[in-house]
C-alpha atoms as a PDB file:
ATOM      1  CA  UNK A   1       8.436 -57.774   9.459  1.00  0.00           C
ATOM      2  CA  UNK A   2       9.691 -60.883   9.634  1.00  0.00           C
ATOM      3  CA  UNK A   3      13.771 -60.908   9.071  1.00  0.00           C
ATOM      4  CA  UNK A   4      14.394 -63.111   6.219  1.00  0.00           C
ATOM      5  CA  UNK A   5      16.823 -65.391   8.977  1.00  0.00           C
ATOM      6  CA  UNK A   6      12.879 -65.674  10.208  1.00  0.00           C
ATOM      7  CA  UNK A   7      11.457 -67.538   6.872  1.00  0.00           C
ATOM      8  CA  UNK A   8      14.369 -69.739   6.251  1.00  0.00           C
ATOM      9  CA  UNK A   9      13.991 -70.887   9.446  1.00  0.00           C
ATOM     10  CA  UNK A  10      10.485 -72.114   8.442  1.00  0.00           C
ATOM     11  CA  UNK A  11      11.401 -73.155   5.205  1.00  0.00           C
ATOM     12  CA  UNK A  12      13.965 -75.442   6.919  1.00  0.00           C
ATOM     13  CA  UNK A  13      12.187 -77.768   9.246  1.00  0.00           C
ATOM     14  CA  UNK A  14       8.828 -77.706   5.669  1.00  0.00           C
ATOM     15  CA  UNK A  15      12.768 -79.745   4.158  1.00  0.00           C
ATOM     16  CA  UNK A  16      12.928 -81.691   7.063  1.00  0.00           C
ATOM     17  CA  UNK A  17       9.586 -82.828   7.213  1.00  0.00           C
ATOM     18  CA  UNK A  18       7.113 -83.308   4.537  1.00  0.00           C
ATOM     19  CA  UNK A  19       3.886 -83.223   7.119  1.00  0.00           C
ATOM     20  CA  UNK A  20       5.550 -79.964   7.696  1.00  0.00           C
ATOM     21  CA  UNK A  21       5.467 -78.783   4.185  1.00  0.00           C
ATOM     22  CA  UNK A  22       2.804 -80.090   3.431  1.00  0.00           C
ATOM     23  CA  UNK A  23       0.434 -78.077   5.805  1.00  0.00           C
ATOM     24  CA  UNK A  24       3.056 -74.579   5.456  1.00  0.00           C
ATOM     25  CA  UNK A  25       2.040 -75.031   1.558  1.00  0.00           C
ATOM     26  CA  UNK A  26      -1.557 -75.744   2.145  1.00  0.00           C
ATOM     27  CA  UNK A  27      -2.016 -72.591   4.832  1.00  0.00           C
ATOM     28  CA  UNK A  28       0.184 -69.881   2.411  1.00  0.00           C
ATOM     29  CA  UNK A  29      -1.935 -70.518  -0.492  1.00  0.00           C
ATOM     30  CA  UNK A  30      -5.395 -69.947   1.326  1.00  0.00           C
ATOM     31  CA  UNK A  31      -6.599 -65.813   1.054  1.00  0.00           C
ATOM     32  CA  UNK A  32      -5.384 -63.486   4.141  1.00  0.00           C
ATOM     33  CA  UNK A  33      -9.013 -63.320   5.067  1.00  0.00           C
ATOM     34  CA  UNK A  34      -9.093 -66.878   5.348  1.00  0.00           C
ATOM     35  CA  UNK A  35      -5.583 -68.077   6.308  1.00  0.00           C
ATOM     36  CA  UNK A  36      -5.679 -65.380   9.882  1.00  0.00           C
ATOM     37  CA  UNK A  37      -8.881 -66.542  10.955  1.00  0.00           C
ATOM     38  CA  UNK A  38      -8.298 -70.329  10.360  1.00  0.00           C
ATOM     39  CA  UNK A  39      -4.862 -69.379  12.482  1.00  0.00           C
ATOM     40  CA  UNK A  40      -6.189 -67.836  14.945  1.00  0.00           C
ATOM     41  CA  UNK A  41      -8.519 -70.666  16.119  1.00  0.00           C
ATOM     42  CA  UNK A  42      -4.523 -73.149  15.184  1.00  0.00           C
ATOM     43  CA  UNK A  43      -3.635 -70.715  17.272  1.00  0.00           C
ATOM     44  CA  UNK A  44      -6.300 -70.377  20.701  1.00  0.00           C
ATOM     45  CA  UNK A  45      -6.394 -74.324  20.192  1.00  0.00           C
ATOM     46  CA  UNK A  46      -2.174 -74.919  20.856  1.00  0.00           C
ATOM     47  CA  UNK A  47      -2.460 -71.979  23.878  1.00  0.00           C
ATOM     48  CA  UNK A  48      -4.918 -74.514  25.112  1.00  0.00           C
ATOM     49  CA  UNK A  49      -2.514 -77.023  25.517  1.00  0.00           C
ATOM     50  CA  UNK A  50       0.437 -74.577  26.428  1.00  0.00           C
ATOM     51  CA  UNK A  51       2.722 -74.536  22.689  1.00  0.00           C
ATOM     52  CA  UNK A  52       6.186 -73.932  22.769  1.00  0.00           C
ATOM     53  CA  UNK A  53       6.125 -69.176  22.689  1.00  0.00           C
ATOM     54  CA  UNK A  54       8.227 -69.913  19.289  1.00  0.00           C
ATOM     55  CA  UNK A  55       4.767 -71.722  18.132  1.00  0.00           C
ATOM     56  CA  UNK A  56       2.344 -69.748  19.163  1.00  0.00           C
ATOM     57  CA  UNK A  57       5.047 -67.064  16.731  1.00  0.00           C
ATOM     58  CA  UNK A  58       5.296 -68.885  13.820  1.00  0.00           C
ATOM     59  CA  UNK A  59       1.624 -69.186  13.822  1.00  0.00           C
ATOM     60  CA  UNK A  60       1.356 -64.867  13.872  1.00  0.00           C
ATOM     61  CA  UNK A  61       3.584 -64.595  11.905  1.00  0.00           C
ATOM     62  CA  UNK A  62       1.823 -67.137   9.288  1.00  0.00           C
ATOM     63  CA  UNK A  63      -0.937 -64.926   9.388  1.00  0.00           C
ATOM     64  CA  UNK A  64       1.108 -61.280   7.566  1.00  0.00           C
ATOM     65  CA  UNK A  65      -0.065 -61.653   3.751  1.00  0.00           C
ATOM     66  CA  UNK A  66       4.147 -60.770   3.244  1.00  0.00           C
ATOM     67  CA  UNK A  67       5.577 -64.060   5.023  1.00  0.00           C
ATOM     68  CA  UNK A  68       3.150 -66.244   3.944  1.00  0.00           C
ATOM     69  CA  UNK A  69       2.862 -64.780   0.196  1.00  0.00           C
ATOM     70  CA  UNK A  70       7.674 -65.642   1.139  1.00  0.00           C
ATOM     71  CA  UNK A  71       7.130 -69.243   2.184  1.00  0.00           C
ATOM     72  CA  UNK A  72       5.065 -70.435  -0.485  1.00  0.00           C
ATOM     73  CA  UNK A  73       7.523 -68.968  -3.148  1.00  0.00           C
ATOM     74  CA  UNK A  74      10.023 -70.745  -1.664  1.00  0.00           C
ATOM     75  CA  UNK A  75       7.902 -73.888  -1.626  1.00  0.00           C
ATOM     76  CA  UNK A  76       5.685 -74.338  -4.258  1.00  0.00           C
ATOM     77  CA  UNK A  77       2.446 -74.006  -4.729  1.00  0.00           C
ATOM     78  CA  UNK A  78       0.135 -77.496  -2.705  1.00  0.00           C
ATOM     79  CA  UNK A  79      -0.778 -80.093  -3.962  1.00  0.00           C
END
């Protein structure tokens, strides 16, 4: 399970950058299966560009329903 400190770090990044917040709200609002599929594609794309391990870990964490729910609760709904 992803800890509170990890969720806090993601939410803090979103607080500093509105584009990150917007994307996270949209991703976290997706149905779990849809979100997992989309993030699988995002992860594959990032791996072809040698993304940093922490970025790939964040993408993996967002696939978890509990993580997405906790972030959505903190950031609010999209739009």
